[in-house]
Amino acid sequence: MFKRKTTVVNKTGIHARPAANFVARAKQFQSNIMVTNLSEDKGDTVNAKSIIEILSLAMAEGSEVEISADGVDEEAAVNGLIVLINSGLGE
């Protein structure tokens, strides 16, 4: 298992459009990928390949998130998704 943390930079957080970009990228990897919003008290962990689950995390600007992956391309998956979040997810 490989994991890293980052912070959401989008001024409007991760709403439908950036979430769709995130999920589309996550689906390009074979690994099981999970996302946790560390800024929320409940700290739910969800499947990165499900747009409904990603939206349920309510990741606002400044939210600290942890991405973890387990599988053959786990490091590439985590690093690729971290770069995507750090770039603002196309916004």
N, C-alpha and C. Protein backbone atom coordinates (compact mmCIF):
# COMPACT_ATOMS: atom_id res chain seq x y z
N MET A 1 0.85 -1.18 0.00
CA MET A 1 0.00 0.00 0.00
C MET A 1 0.89 1.23 0.00
N PHE A 2 0.47 2.22 -0.79
CA PHE A 2 1.20 3.48 -0.90
C PHE A 2 0.19 4.60 -0.65
N LYS A 3 0.59 5.62 0.12
CA LYS A 3 -0.33 6.73 0.37
C LYS A 3 0.43 8.04 0.54
N ARG A 4 -0.28 9.12 0.23
CA ARG A 4 0.26 10.48 0.38
C ARG A 4 -0.88 11.43 0.72
N LYS A 5 -0.50 12.60 1.23
CA LYS A 5 -1.48 13.63 1.57
C LYS A 5 -1.25 14.87 0.71
N THR A 6 -2.31 15.63 0.52
CA THR A 6 -2.23 16.91 -0.16
C THR A 6 -3.39 17.77 0.32
N THR A 7 -3.45 19.00 -0.18
CA THR A 7 -4.50 19.95 0.19
C THR A 7 -5.24 20.41 -1.05
N VAL A 8 -6.55 20.48 -0.98
CA VAL A 8 -7.39 20.94 -2.10
C VAL A 8 -7.14 22.43 -2.32
N VAL A 9 -6.82 22.79 -3.57
CA VAL A 9 -6.52 24.19 -3.89
C VAL A 9 -7.67 24.90 -4.60
N ASN A 10 -8.66 24.17 -5.08
CA ASN A 10 -9.78 24.78 -5.80
C ASN A 10 -10.56 25.72 -4.88
N LYS A 11 -10.79 26.93 -5.36
CA LYS A 11 -11.54 27.91 -4.56
C LYS A 11 -12.96 27.44 -4.25
N THR A 12 -13.55 26.67 -5.16
CA THR A 12 -14.91 26.18 -4.94
C THR A 12 -14.92 24.72 -4.49
N GLY A 13 -13.77 24.19 -4.13
CA GLY A 13 -13.68 22.81 -3.66
C GLY A 13 -13.82 21.83 -4.80
N ILE A 14 -14.01 20.58 -4.45
CA ILE A 14 -14.15 19.54 -5.46
C ILE A 14 -15.65 19.26 -5.64
N HIS A 15 -16.24 20.01 -6.57
CA HIS A 15 -17.66 19.84 -6.90
C HIS A 15 -17.76 18.92 -8.12
N ALA A 16 -18.87 18.87 -8.79
CA ALA A 16 -19.15 17.87 -9.83
C ALA A 16 -18.10 17.81 -10.94
N ARG A 17 -17.75 18.94 -11.55
CA ARG A 17 -16.82 18.89 -12.68
C ARG A 17 -15.43 18.40 -12.29
N PRO A 18 -14.80 18.99 -11.26
CA PRO A 18 -13.49 18.47 -10.88
C PRO A 18 -13.55 17.04 -10.33
N ALA A 19 -14.65 16.68 -9.70
CA ALA A 19 -14.80 15.31 -9.20
C ALA A 19 -14.85 14.34 -10.38
N ALA A 20 -15.53 14.72 -11.46
CA ALA A 20 -15.60 13.87 -12.65
C ALA A 20 -14.20 13.70 -13.25
N ASN A 21 -13.41 14.77 -13.29
CA ASN A 21 -12.03 14.68 -13.79
C ASN A 21 -11.20 13.74 -12.91
N PHE A 22 -11.38 13.86 -11.61
CA PHE A 22 -10.63 13.03 -10.66
C PHE A 22 -10.97 11.56 -10.84
N VAL A 23 -12.26 11.25 -10.92
CA VAL A 23 -12.72 9.87 -11.05
C VAL A 23 -12.26 9.28 -12.38
N ALA A 24 -12.35 10.07 -13.45
CA ALA A 24 -11.91 9.58 -14.76
C ALA A 24 -10.43 9.20 -14.73
N ARG A 25 -9.63 10.02 -14.07
CA ARG A 25 -8.20 9.71 -13.95
C ARG A 25 -7.99 8.48 -13.08
N ALA A 26 -8.71 8.37 -11.98
CA ALA A 26 -8.56 7.23 -11.07
C ALA A 26 -8.89 5.93 -11.79
N LYS A 27 -9.87 5.95 -12.68
CA LYS A 27 -10.28 4.75 -13.40
C LYS A 27 -9.24 4.26 -14.39
N GLN A 28 -8.23 5.07 -14.67
CA GLN A 28 -7.17 4.67 -15.58
C GLN A 28 -6.16 3.74 -14.92
N PHE A 29 -6.26 3.59 -13.62
CA PHE A 29 -5.32 2.74 -12.88
C PHE A 29 -6.00 1.44 -12.46
N GLN A 30 -5.20 0.38 -12.36
CA GLN A 30 -5.72 -0.92 -11.95
C GLN A 30 -5.88 -1.04 -10.44
N SER A 31 -5.09 -0.31 -9.69
CA SER A 31 -5.08 -0.42 -8.23
C SER A 31 -6.41 -0.02 -7.61
N ASN A 32 -6.66 -0.54 -6.43
CA ASN A 32 -7.77 -0.11 -5.59
C ASN A 32 -7.34 1.21 -4.95
N ILE A 33 -8.07 2.29 -5.22
CA ILE A 33 -7.67 3.63 -4.75
C ILE A 33 -8.74 4.17 -3.81
N MET A 34 -8.28 4.67 -2.67
CA MET A 34 -9.20 5.22 -1.66
C MET A 34 -8.80 6.66 -1.34
N VAL A 35 -9.80 7.47 -0.97
CA VAL A 35 -9.57 8.87 -0.61
C VAL A 35 -10.22 9.14 0.74
N THR A 36 -9.48 9.85 1.60
CA THR A 36 -9.99 10.25 2.92
C THR A 36 -9.88 11.75 3.05
N ASN A 37 -10.96 12.40 3.48
CA ASN A 37 -10.93 13.84 3.79
C ASN A 37 -10.54 13.96 5.25
N LEU A 38 -9.27 14.28 5.49
CA LEU A 38 -8.76 14.35 6.85
C LEU A 38 -9.24 15.60 7.60
N SER A 39 -9.84 16.54 6.88
CA SER A 39 -10.32 17.77 7.50
C SER A 39 -11.71 17.62 8.10
N GLU A 40 -12.37 16.52 7.83
CA GLU A 40 -13.69 16.25 8.39
C GLU A 40 -13.56 15.40 9.65
N ASP A 41 -14.39 15.66 10.63
CA ASP A 41 -14.34 14.91 11.88
C ASP A 41 -14.53 13.41 11.69
N LYS A 42 -15.45 13.05 10.79
CA LYS A 42 -15.74 11.63 10.61
C LYS A 42 -14.67 10.90 9.82
N GLY A 43 -13.90 11.61 9.00
CA GLY A 43 -12.79 11.01 8.28
C GLY A 43 -13.15 9.82 7.43
N ASP A 44 -14.27 9.92 6.70
CA ASP A 44 -14.70 8.82 5.84
C ASP A 44 -13.66 8.53 4.76
N THR A 45 -13.53 7.27 4.43
CA THR A 45 -12.66 6.83 3.34
C THR A 45 -13.55 6.25 2.26
N VAL A 46 -13.36 6.72 1.02
CA VAL A 46 -14.24 6.30 -0.07
C VAL A 46 -13.44 5.82 -1.27
N ASN A 47 -14.13 5.14 -2.16
CA ASN A 47 -13.57 4.64 -3.41
C ASN A 47 -13.34 5.80 -4.37
N ALA A 48 -12.10 5.97 -4.84
CA ALA A 48 -11.75 7.07 -5.74
C ALA A 48 -12.37 6.92 -7.12
N LYS A 49 -12.90 5.76 -7.43
CA LYS A 49 -13.47 5.51 -8.76
C LYS A 49 -14.99 5.69 -8.78
N SER A 50 -15.55 6.23 -7.70
CA SER A 50 -16.99 6.46 -7.61
C SER A 50 -17.25 7.96 -7.43
N ILE A 51 -17.88 8.58 -8.41
CA ILE A 51 -18.14 10.02 -8.31
C ILE A 51 -19.06 10.35 -7.14
N ILE A 52 -20.04 9.52 -6.88
CA ILE A 52 -20.95 9.76 -5.75
C ILE A 52 -20.18 9.76 -4.44
N GLU A 53 -19.29 8.78 -4.28
CA GLU A 53 -18.51 8.70 -3.05
C GLU A 53 -17.54 9.86 -2.92
N ILE A 54 -16.91 10.27 -4.02
CA ILE A 54 -15.99 11.41 -3.98
C ILE A 54 -16.76 12.68 -3.59
N LEU A 55 -17.91 12.90 -4.19
CA LEU A 55 -18.71 14.08 -3.85
C LEU A 55 -19.16 14.05 -2.38
N SER A 56 -19.38 12.86 -1.84
CA SER A 56 -19.85 12.74 -0.45
C SER A 56 -18.80 13.23 0.55
N LEU A 57 -17.55 13.31 0.13
CA LEU A 57 -16.51 13.80 1.05
C LEU A 57 -16.57 15.30 1.28
N ALA A 58 -17.29 16.03 0.43
CA ALA A 58 -17.45 17.48 0.57
C ALA A 58 -16.09 18.17 0.77
N MET A 59 -15.18 17.94 -0.14
CA MET A 59 -13.83 18.50 -0.03
C MET A 59 -13.82 19.96 -0.47
N ALA A 60 -13.66 20.85 0.48
CA ALA A 60 -13.63 22.28 0.23
C ALA A 60 -12.19 22.75 0.05
N GLU A 61 -12.05 23.99 -0.38
CA GLU A 61 -10.70 24.57 -0.48
C GLU A 61 -10.02 24.47 0.89
N GLY A 62 -8.79 24.00 0.89
CA GLY A 62 -8.04 23.86 2.13
C GLY A 62 -8.20 22.52 2.83
N SER A 63 -9.10 21.68 2.33
CA SER A 63 -9.27 20.35 2.93
C SER A 63 -8.01 19.53 2.72
N GLU A 64 -7.56 18.87 3.79
CA GLU A 64 -6.42 17.97 3.67
C GLU A 64 -6.98 16.59 3.33
N VAL A 65 -6.46 16.01 2.25
CA VAL A 65 -6.93 14.70 1.81
C VAL A 65 -5.76 13.72 1.75
N GLU A 66 -6.08 12.46 1.99
CA GLU A 66 -5.09 11.40 1.85
C GLU A 66 -5.58 10.44 0.78
N ILE A 67 -4.68 10.14 -0.15
CA ILE A 67 -4.99 9.18 -1.20
C ILE A 67 -4.12 7.96 -0.96
N SER A 68 -4.75 6.79 -0.96
CA SER A 68 -4.00 5.55 -0.78
C SER A 68 -4.39 4.59 -1.89
N ALA A 69 -3.44 3.75 -2.26
CA ALA A 69 -3.71 2.77 -3.31
C ALA A 69 -3.01 1.47 -2.98
N ASP A 70 -3.60 0.40 -3.45
CA ASP A 70 -3.05 -0.93 -3.25
C ASP A 70 -3.19 -1.69 -4.57
N GLY A 71 -2.06 -2.06 -5.14
CA GLY A 71 -2.10 -2.79 -6.40
C GLY A 71 -0.84 -2.61 -7.21
N VAL A 72 -0.88 -3.09 -8.43
CA VAL A 72 0.32 -3.13 -9.27
C VAL A 72 0.84 -1.74 -9.64
N ASP A 73 -0.03 -0.75 -9.75
CA ASP A 73 0.38 0.59 -10.13
C ASP A 73 0.08 1.62 -9.03
N GLU A 74 0.18 1.18 -7.77
CA GLU A 74 -0.24 2.02 -6.63
C GLU A 74 0.52 3.34 -6.55
N GLU A 75 1.83 3.33 -6.73
CA GLU A 75 2.58 4.58 -6.62
C GLU A 75 2.22 5.54 -7.74
N ALA A 76 2.10 5.03 -8.96
CA ALA A 76 1.71 5.87 -10.10
C ALA A 76 0.31 6.44 -9.89
N ALA A 77 -0.59 5.64 -9.35
CA ALA A 77 -1.96 6.09 -9.11
C ALA A 77 -1.99 7.23 -8.10
N VAL A 78 -1.37 7.02 -6.96
CA VAL A 78 -1.38 8.05 -5.91
C VAL A 78 -0.68 9.31 -6.41
N ASN A 79 0.49 9.16 -6.97
CA ASN A 79 1.23 10.34 -7.43
C ASN A 79 0.49 11.09 -8.53
N GLY A 80 -0.13 10.35 -9.45
CA GLY A 80 -0.89 10.99 -10.53
C GLY A 80 -2.09 11.76 -10.02
N LEU A 81 -2.79 11.20 -9.04
CA LEU A 81 -3.96 11.89 -8.48
C LEU A 81 -3.56 13.07 -7.61
N ILE A 82 -2.42 12.97 -6.94
CA ILE A 82 -1.92 14.10 -6.15
C ILE A 82 -1.59 15.27 -7.08
N VAL A 83 -0.91 14.98 -8.19
CA VAL A 83 -0.58 16.02 -9.17
C VAL A 83 -1.86 16.67 -9.70
N LEU A 84 -2.86 15.85 -9.98
CA LEU A 84 -4.14 16.36 -10.48
C LEU A 84 -4.80 17.31 -9.47
N ILE A 85 -4.86 16.92 -8.21
CA ILE A 85 -5.44 17.79 -7.18
C ILE A 85 -4.62 19.07 -7.03
N ASN A 86 -3.31 18.95 -7.02
CA ASN A 86 -2.45 20.12 -6.87
C ASN A 86 -2.55 21.09 -8.06
N SER A 87 -2.96 20.58 -9.21
CA SER A 87 -3.11 21.42 -10.40
C SER A 87 -4.47 22.11 -10.46
N GLY A 88 -5.37 21.77 -9.54
CA GLY A 88 -6.69 22.37 -9.51
C GLY A 88 -7.74 21.60 -10.30
N LEU A 89 -7.41 20.39 -10.73
CA LEU A 89 -8.38 19.52 -11.41
C LEU A 89 -9.01 20.16 -12.64
N GLY A 90 -8.23 20.92 -13.39
CA GLY A 90 -8.72 21.50 -14.63
C GLY A 90 -9.58 22.74 -14.47
N GLU A 91 -9.62 23.32 -13.30
CA GLU A 91 -10.43 24.52 -13.07
C GLU A 91 -9.59 25.77 -13.17
